[in-house]
PDB file of all heavy atoms in Angstrom:
ATOM      1  N   THR A   1      66.841-185.713 -75.616  1.00  0.00           N
ATOM      2  CA  THR A   1      66.139-186.978 -75.587  1.00  0.00           C
ATOM      3  C   THR A   1      66.551-187.855 -76.726  1.00  0.00           C
ATOM      4  O   THR A   1      67.154-187.431 -77.708  1.00  0.00           O
ATOM      5  CB  THR A   1      64.564-186.766 -75.728  1.00  0.00           C
ATOM      6  OG1 THR A   1      64.324-186.195 -77.001  1.00  0.00           O
ATOM      7  CG2 THR A   1      64.060-185.884 -74.588  1.00  0.00           C
ATOM      8  N   VAL A   2      66.151-189.190 -76.667  1.00  0.00           N
ATOM      9  CA  VAL A   2      66.471-190.117 -77.777  1.00  0.00           C
ATOM     10  C   VAL A   2      65.777-189.636 -79.036  1.00  0.00           C
ATOM     11  O   VAL A   2      66.318-189.570 -80.085  1.00  0.00           O
ATOM     12  CB  VAL A   2      66.025-191.562 -77.398  1.00  0.00           C
ATOM     13  CG1 VAL A   2      66.020-192.447 -78.605  1.00  0.00           C
ATOM     14  CG2 VAL A   2      66.894-192.128 -76.291  1.00  0.00           C
ATOM     15  N   GLU A   3      64.458-189.264 -78.884  1.00  0.00           N
ATOM     16  CA  GLU A   3      63.693-188.926 -79.982  1.00  0.00           C
ATOM     17  C   GLU A   3      64.277-187.715 -80.734  1.00  0.00           C
ATOM     18  O   GLU A   3      64.428-187.592 -81.924  1.00  0.00           O
ATOM     19  CB  GLU A   3      62.238-188.571 -79.531  1.00  0.00           C
ATOM     20  CG  GLU A   3      61.319-188.199 -80.696  1.00  0.00           C
ATOM     21  CD  GLU A   3      59.925-187.893 -80.259  1.00  0.00           C
ATOM     22  OE1 GLU A   3      59.527-188.237 -79.112  1.00  0.00           O
ATOM     23  OE2 GLU A   3      59.180-187.322 -81.032  1.00  0.00           O
ATOM     24  N   ALA A   4      64.662-186.623 -79.962  1.00  0.00           N
ATOM     25  CA  ALA A   4      65.209-185.431 -80.507  1.00  0.00           C
ATOM     26  C   ALA A   4      66.666-185.705 -81.099  1.00  0.00           C
ATOM     27  O   ALA A   4      67.052-185.213 -82.082  1.00  0.00           O
ATOM     28  CB  ALA A   4      65.354-184.332 -79.455  1.00  0.00           C
ATOM     29  N   GLY A   5      67.438-186.623 -80.485  1.00  0.00           N
ATOM     30  CA  GLY A   5      68.759-187.037 -80.977  1.00  0.00           C
ATOM     31  C   GLY A   5      68.617-187.747 -82.257  1.00  0.00           C
ATOM     32  O   GLY A   5      69.460-187.504 -83.207  1.00  0.00           O
ATOM     33  N   LEU A   6      67.624-188.610 -82.465  1.00  0.00           N
ATOM     34  CA  LEU A   6      67.395-189.295 -83.694  1.00  0.00           C
ATOM     35  C   LEU A   6      67.053-188.344 -84.803  1.00  0.00           C
ATOM     36  O   LEU A   6      67.622-188.412 -85.936  1.00  0.00           O
ATOM     37  CB  LEU A   6      66.289-190.370 -83.570  1.00  0.00           C
ATOM     38  CG  LEU A   6      66.542-191.538 -82.633  1.00  0.00           C
ATOM     39  CD1 LEU A   6      65.305-192.366 -82.444  1.00  0.00           C
ATOM     40  CD2 LEU A   6      67.742-192.394 -83.202  1.00  0.00           C
ATOM     41  N   ALA A   7      66.257-187.320 -84.442  1.00  0.00           N
ATOM     42  CA  ALA A   7      65.778-186.316 -85.509  1.00  0.00           C
ATOM     43  C   ALA A   7      67.001-185.486 -85.871  1.00  0.00           C
ATOM     44  O   ALA A   7      67.242-185.191 -87.032  1.00  0.00           O
ATOM     45  CB  ALA A   7      64.707-185.476 -85.018  1.00  0.00           C
ATOM     46  N   ALA A   8      67.880-185.132 -84.915  1.00  0.00           N
ATOM     47  CA  ALA A   8      69.039-184.297 -85.208  1.00  0.00           C
ATOM     48  C   ALA A   8      70.017-185.020 -86.045  1.00  0.00           C
ATOM     49  O   ALA A   8      70.618-184.435 -86.970  1.00  0.00           O
ATOM     50  CB  ALA A   8      69.725-183.816 -83.905  1.00  0.00           C
ATOM     51  N   CYS A   9      70.256-186.320 -85.803  1.00  0.00           N
ATOM     52  CA  CYS A   9      71.133-187.114 -86.640  1.00  0.00           C
ATOM     53  C   CYS A   9      70.601-187.228 -88.008  1.00  0.00           C
ATOM     54  O   CYS A   9      71.394-187.228 -88.995  1.00  0.00           O
ATOM     55  CB  CYS A   9      71.406-188.489 -85.934  1.00  0.00           C
ATOM     56  SG  CYS A   9      72.444-188.386 -84.455  1.00  0.00           S
ATOM     57  N   GLN A  10      69.359-187.558 -88.149  1.00  0.00           N
ATOM     58  CA  GLN A  10      68.666-187.702 -89.506  1.00  0.00           C
ATOM     59  C   GLN A  10      68.848-186.408 -90.235  1.00  0.00           C
ATOM     60  O   GLN A  10      69.224-186.402 -91.415  1.00  0.00           O
ATOM     61  CB  GLN A  10      67.208-187.983 -89.286  1.00  0.00           C
ATOM     62  CG  GLN A  10      66.481-188.336 -90.646  1.00  0.00           C
ATOM     63  CD  GLN A  10      66.908-189.716 -91.141  1.00  0.00           C
ATOM     64  OE1 GLN A  10      67.256-190.552 -90.439  1.00  0.00           O
ATOM     65  NE2 GLN A  10      66.911-189.797 -92.459  1.00  0.00           N
ATOM     66  N   GLU A  11      68.597-185.201 -89.614  1.00  0.00           N
ATOM     67  CA  GLU A  11      68.652-183.910 -90.338  1.00  0.00           C
ATOM     68  C   GLU A  11      70.139-183.493 -90.664  1.00  0.00           C
ATOM     69  O   GLU A  11      70.415-183.036 -91.746  1.00  0.00           O
ATOM     70  CB  GLU A  11      68.056-182.865 -89.532  1.00  0.00           C
ATOM     71  CG  GLU A  11      68.031-181.483 -90.117  1.00  0.00           C
ATOM     72  CD  GLU A  11      67.401-180.447 -89.270  1.00  0.00           C
ATOM     73  OE1 GLU A  11      66.689-180.752 -88.349  1.00  0.00           O
ATOM     74  OE2 GLU A  11      67.631-179.241 -89.589  1.00  0.00           O
ATOM     75  N   HIS A  12      71.042-183.671 -89.726  1.00  0.00           N
ATOM     76  CA  HIS A  12      72.438-183.138 -89.841  1.00  0.00           C
ATOM     77  C   HIS A  12      73.469-184.066 -90.245  1.00  0.00           C
ATOM     78  O   HIS A  12      74.626-183.582 -90.616  1.00  0.00           O
ATOM     79  CB  HIS A  12      72.811-182.394 -88.562  1.00  0.00           C
ATOM     80  CG  HIS A  12      71.910-181.266 -88.228  1.00  0.00           C
ATOM     81  ND1 HIS A  12      71.897-180.063 -88.785  1.00  0.00           N
ATOM     82  CD2 HIS A  12      70.923-181.228 -87.252  1.00  0.00           C
ATOM     83  CE1 HIS A  12      71.030-179.272 -88.244  1.00  0.00           C
ATOM     84  NE2 HIS A  12      70.367-179.934 -87.326  1.00  0.00           N
ATOM     85  N   ARG A  13      73.231-185.404 -90.219  1.00  0.00           N
ATOM     86  CA  ARG A  13      74.237-186.355 -90.641  1.00  0.00           C
ATOM     87  C   ARG A  13      75.589-186.050 -90.078  1.00  0.00           C
ATOM     88  O   ARG A  13      76.492-185.798 -90.727  1.00  0.00           O
ATOM     89  CB  ARG A  13      74.325-186.496 -92.163  1.00  0.00           C
ATOM     90  CG  ARG A  13      72.972-186.832 -92.784  1.00  0.00           C
ATOM     91  CD  ARG A  13      73.012-186.910 -94.354  1.00  0.00           C
ATOM     92  NE  ARG A  13      74.087-187.786 -94.839  1.00  0.00           N
ATOM     93  CZ  ARG A  13      73.984-189.057 -95.119  1.00  0.00           C
ATOM     94  NH1 ARG A  13      72.803-189.632 -94.902  1.00  0.00           N
ATOM     95  NH2 ARG A  13      74.994-189.734 -95.517  1.00  0.00           N
ATOM     96  N   PRO A  14      75.708-186.117 -88.712  1.00  0.00           N
ATOM     97  CA  PRO A  14      76.947-185.689 -88.042  1.00  0.00           C
ATOM     98  C   PRO A  14      78.140-186.561 -88.381  1.00  0.00           C
ATOM     99  O   PRO A  14      78.055-187.821 -88.575  1.00  0.00           O
ATOM    100  CB  PRO A  14      76.544-185.808 -86.514  1.00  0.00           C
ATOM    101  CG  PRO A  14      75.590-186.934 -86.475  1.00  0.00           C
ATOM    102  CD  PRO A  14      74.732-186.732 -87.775  1.00  0.00           C
ATOM    103  N   ASP A  15      79.321-185.990 -88.292  1.00  0.00           N
ATOM    104  CA  ASP A  15      80.581-186.663 -88.335  1.00  0.00           C
ATOM    105  C   ASP A  15      80.954-187.194 -87.011  1.00  0.00           C
ATOM    106  O   ASP A  15      81.644-188.237 -86.800  1.00  0.00           O
ATOM    107  CB  ASP A  15      81.710-185.762 -88.803  1.00  0.00           C
ATOM    108  CG  ASP A  15      81.395-185.184 -90.216  1.00  0.00           C
ATOM    109  OD1 ASP A  15      81.262-185.986 -91.103  1.00  0.00           O
ATOM    110  OD2 ASP A  15      81.264-183.916 -90.361  1.00  0.00           O
ATOM    111  N   VAL A  16      80.554-186.452 -85.946  1.00  0.00           N
ATOM    112  CA  VAL A  16      80.790-186.747 -84.506  1.00  0.00           C
ATOM    113  C   VAL A  16      79.491-186.714 -83.797  1.00  0.00           C
ATOM    114  O   VAL A  16      78.753-185.673 -83.937  1.00  0.00           O
ATOM    115  CB  VAL A  16      81.823-185.772 -83.949  1.00  0.00           C
ATOM    116  CG1 VAL A  16      82.072-186.093 -82.445  1.00  0.00           C
ATOM    117  CG2 VAL A  16      83.157-185.737 -84.688  1.00  0.00           C
ATOM    118  N   LEU A  17      79.270-187.691 -82.975  1.00  0.00           N
ATOM    119  CA  LEU A  17      78.096-187.720 -82.044  1.00  0.00           C
ATOM    120  C   LEU A  17      78.638-187.771 -80.633  1.00  0.00           C
ATOM    121  O   LEU A  17      79.338-188.711 -80.267  1.00  0.00           O
ATOM    122  CB  LEU A  17      77.244-188.898 -82.390  1.00  0.00           C
ATOM    123  CG  LEU A  17      76.033-189.248 -81.482  1.00  0.00           C
ATOM    124  CD1 LEU A  17      75.024-188.100 -81.476  1.00  0.00           C
ATOM    125  CD2 LEU A  17      75.391-190.515 -81.905  1.00  0.00           C
ATOM    126  N   ILE A  18      78.313-186.782 -79.779  1.00  0.00           N
ATOM    127  CA  ILE A  18      78.660-186.788 -78.394  1.00  0.00           C
ATOM    128  C   ILE A  18      77.422-187.218 -77.672  1.00  0.00           C
ATOM    129  O   ILE A  18      76.326-186.473 -77.798  1.00  0.00           O
ATOM    130  CB  ILE A  18      79.175-185.438 -77.940  1.00  0.00           C
ATOM    131  CG1 ILE A  18      80.488-185.152 -78.656  1.00  0.00           C
ATOM    132  CG2 ILE A  18      79.464-185.459 -76.413  1.00  0.00           C
ATOM    133  CD1 ILE A  18      81.089-183.798 -78.361  1.00  0.00           C
ATOM    134  N   LEU A  19      77.497-188.229 -76.922  1.00  0.00           N
ATOM    135  CA  LEU A  19      76.163-188.963 -76.534  1.00  0.00           C
ATOM    136  C   LEU A  19      76.234-189.399 -75.051  1.00  0.00           C
ATOM    137  O   LEU A  19      77.197-189.985 -74.573  1.00  0.00           O
ATOM    138  CB  LEU A  19      76.067-190.216 -77.361  1.00  0.00           C
ATOM    139  CG  LEU A  19      74.907-191.190 -77.233  1.00  0.00           C
ATOM    140  CD1 LEU A  19      73.616-190.492 -77.487  1.00  0.00           C
ATOM    141  CD2 LEU A  19      75.080-192.395 -78.001  1.00  0.00           C
ATOM    142  N   ASP A  20      75.187-189.004 -74.390  1.00  0.00           N
ATOM    143  CA  ASP A  20      74.856-189.556 -73.025  1.00  0.00           C
ATOM    144  C   ASP A  20      74.028-190.820 -73.210  1.00  0.00           C
ATOM    145  O   ASP A  20      73.197-190.889 -74.094  1.00  0.00           O
ATOM    146  CB  ASP A  20      74.076-188.496 -72.209  1.00  0.00           C
ATOM    147  CG  ASP A  20      73.850-188.861 -70.845  1.00  0.00           C
ATOM    148  OD1 ASP A  20      74.316-189.960 -70.323  1.00  0.00           O
ATOM    149  OD2 ASP A  20      73.084-188.168 -70.111  1.00  0.00           O
ATOM    150  N   LEU A  21      74.360-191.862 -72.458  1.00  0.00           N
ATOM    151  CA  LEU A  21      73.585-193.103 -72.573  1.00  0.00           C
ATOM    152  C   LEU A  21      72.271-193.137 -71.853  1.00  0.00           C
ATOM    153  O   LEU A  21      71.289-193.730 -72.237  1.00  0.00           O
ATOM    154  CB  LEU A  21      74.458-194.294 -72.121  1.00  0.00           C
ATOM    155  CG  LEU A  21      75.678-194.588 -72.885  1.00  0.00           C
ATOM    156  CD1 LEU A  21      76.404-195.794 -72.270  1.00  0.00           C
ATOM    157  CD2 LEU A  21      75.355-194.791 -74.346  1.00  0.00           C
ATOM    158  N   GLY A  22      72.200-192.434 -70.716  1.00  0.00           N
ATOM    159  CA  GLY A  22      71.022-192.389 -69.856  1.00  0.00           C
ATOM    160  C   GLY A  22      70.146-191.188 -70.190  1.00  0.00           C
ATOM    161  O   GLY A  22      70.335-190.107 -69.690  1.00  0.00           O
ATOM    162  N   LEU A  23      69.223-191.391 -71.097  1.00  0.00           N
ATOM    163  CA  LEU A  23      68.331-190.326 -71.491  1.00  0.00           C
ATOM    164  C   LEU A  23      66.892-190.595 -70.988  1.00  0.00           C
ATOM    165  O   LEU A  23      66.512-191.725 -70.710  1.00  0.00           O
ATOM    166  CB  LEU A  23      68.272-190.220 -73.033  1.00  0.00           C
ATOM    167  CG  LEU A  23      69.682-189.838 -73.607  1.00  0.00           C
ATOM    168  CD1 LEU A  23      69.606-189.986 -75.164  1.00  0.00           C
ATOM    169  CD2 LEU A  23      70.013-188.427 -73.233  1.00  0.00           C
ATOM    170  N   PRO A  24      66.091-189.505 -70.762  1.00  0.00           N
ATOM    171  CA  PRO A  24      64.779-189.803 -70.105  1.00  0.00           C
ATOM    172  C   PRO A  24      63.808-190.624 -70.850  1.00  0.00           C
ATOM    173  O   PRO A  24      62.950-191.220 -70.210  1.00  0.00           O
ATOM    174  CB  PRO A  24      64.296-188.303 -69.955  1.00  0.00           C
ATOM    175  CG  PRO A  24      65.036-187.497 -70.918  1.00  0.00           C
ATOM    176  CD  PRO A  24      66.367-188.170 -71.065  1.00  0.00           C
ATOM    177  N   ASP A  25      63.979-190.753 -72.127  1.00  0.00           N
ATOM    178  CA  ASP A  25      63.012-191.542 -72.926  1.00  0.00           C
ATOM    179  C   ASP A  25      63.664-192.831 -73.477  1.00  0.00           C
ATOM    180  O   ASP A  25      63.052-193.402 -74.407  1.00  0.00           O
ATOM    181  CB  ASP A  25      62.360-190.679 -74.075  1.00  0.00           C
ATOM    182  CG  ASP A  25      63.402-190.146 -75.028  1.00  0.00           C
ATOM    183  OD1 ASP A  25      64.536-190.122 -74.685  1.00  0.00           O
ATOM    184  OD2 ASP A  25      62.964-189.857 -76.169  1.00  0.00           O
ATOM    185  N   GLY A  26      64.773-193.210 -72.958  1.00  0.00           N
ATOM    186  CA  GLY A  26      65.346-194.481 -73.511  1.00  0.00           C
ATOM    187  C   GLY A  26      66.863-194.515 -73.446  1.00  0.00           C
ATOM    188  O   GLY A  26      67.503-193.610 -72.872  1.00  0.00           O
ATOM    189  N   ASP A  27      67.418-195.508 -74.055  1.00  0.00           N
ATOM    190  CA  ASP A  27      68.831-195.833 -74.084  1.00  0.00           C
ATOM    191  C   ASP A  27      69.529-195.001 -75.228  1.00  0.00           C
ATOM    192  O   ASP A  27      69.071-195.091 -76.377  1.00  0.00           O
ATOM    193  CB  ASP A  27      69.088-197.283 -74.322  1.00  0.00           C
ATOM    194  CG  ASP A  27      70.450-197.702 -74.229  1.00  0.00           C
ATOM    195  OD1 ASP A  27      71.383-196.853 -74.041  1.00  0.00           O
ATOM    196  OD2 ASP A  27      70.798-198.897 -74.326  1.00  0.00           O
ATOM    197  N   GLY A  28      70.546-194.226 -74.867  1.00  0.00           N
ATOM    198  CA  GLY A  28      71.219-193.395 -75.852  1.00  0.00           C
ATOM    199  C   GLY A  28      71.898-194.165 -76.938  1.00  0.00           C
ATOM    200  O   GLY A  28      72.181-193.727 -78.016  1.00  0.00           O
ATOM    201  N   MET A  29      72.192-195.524 -76.674  1.00  0.00           N
ATOM    202  CA  MET A  29      72.753-196.381 -77.720  1.00  0.00           C
ATOM    203  C   MET A  29      71.922-196.507 -78.963  1.00  0.00           C
ATOM    204  O   MET A  29      72.426-196.643 -80.081  1.00  0.00           O
ATOM    205  CB  MET A  29      73.100-197.731 -77.194  1.00  0.00           C
ATOM    206  CG  MET A  29      74.364-197.793 -76.278  1.00  0.00           C
ATOM    207  SD  MET A  29      75.797-197.056 -77.035  1.00  0.00           S
ATOM    208  CE  MET A  29      76.153-198.256 -78.283  1.00  0.00           C
ATOM    209  N   LYS A  30      70.550-196.310 -78.786  1.00  0.00           N
ATOM    210  CA  LYS A  30      69.655-196.313 -79.959  1.00  0.00           C
ATOM    211  C   LYS A  30      70.062-195.188 -80.922  1.00  0.00           C
ATOM    212  O   LYS A  30      70.061-195.421 -82.100  1.00  0.00           O
ATOM    213  CB  LYS A  30      68.264-196.160 -79.495  1.00  0.00           C
ATOM    214  CG  LYS A  30      67.264-196.206 -80.583  1.00  0.00           C
ATOM    215  CD  LYS A  30      65.854-196.144 -80.143  1.00  0.00           C
ATOM    216  CE  LYS A  30      64.902-196.274 -81.338  1.00  0.00           C
ATOM    217  NZ  LYS A  30      63.486-196.219 -80.869  1.00  0.00           N
TER     218      LYS A  30
END
């Protein structure tokens, strides 16, 4: 989900993000 993706990026500070745009709780671009 967008919410879980945001939390994962905050925690892990990724060098690479593999992202689906159509997520159940919003736009993946966020």
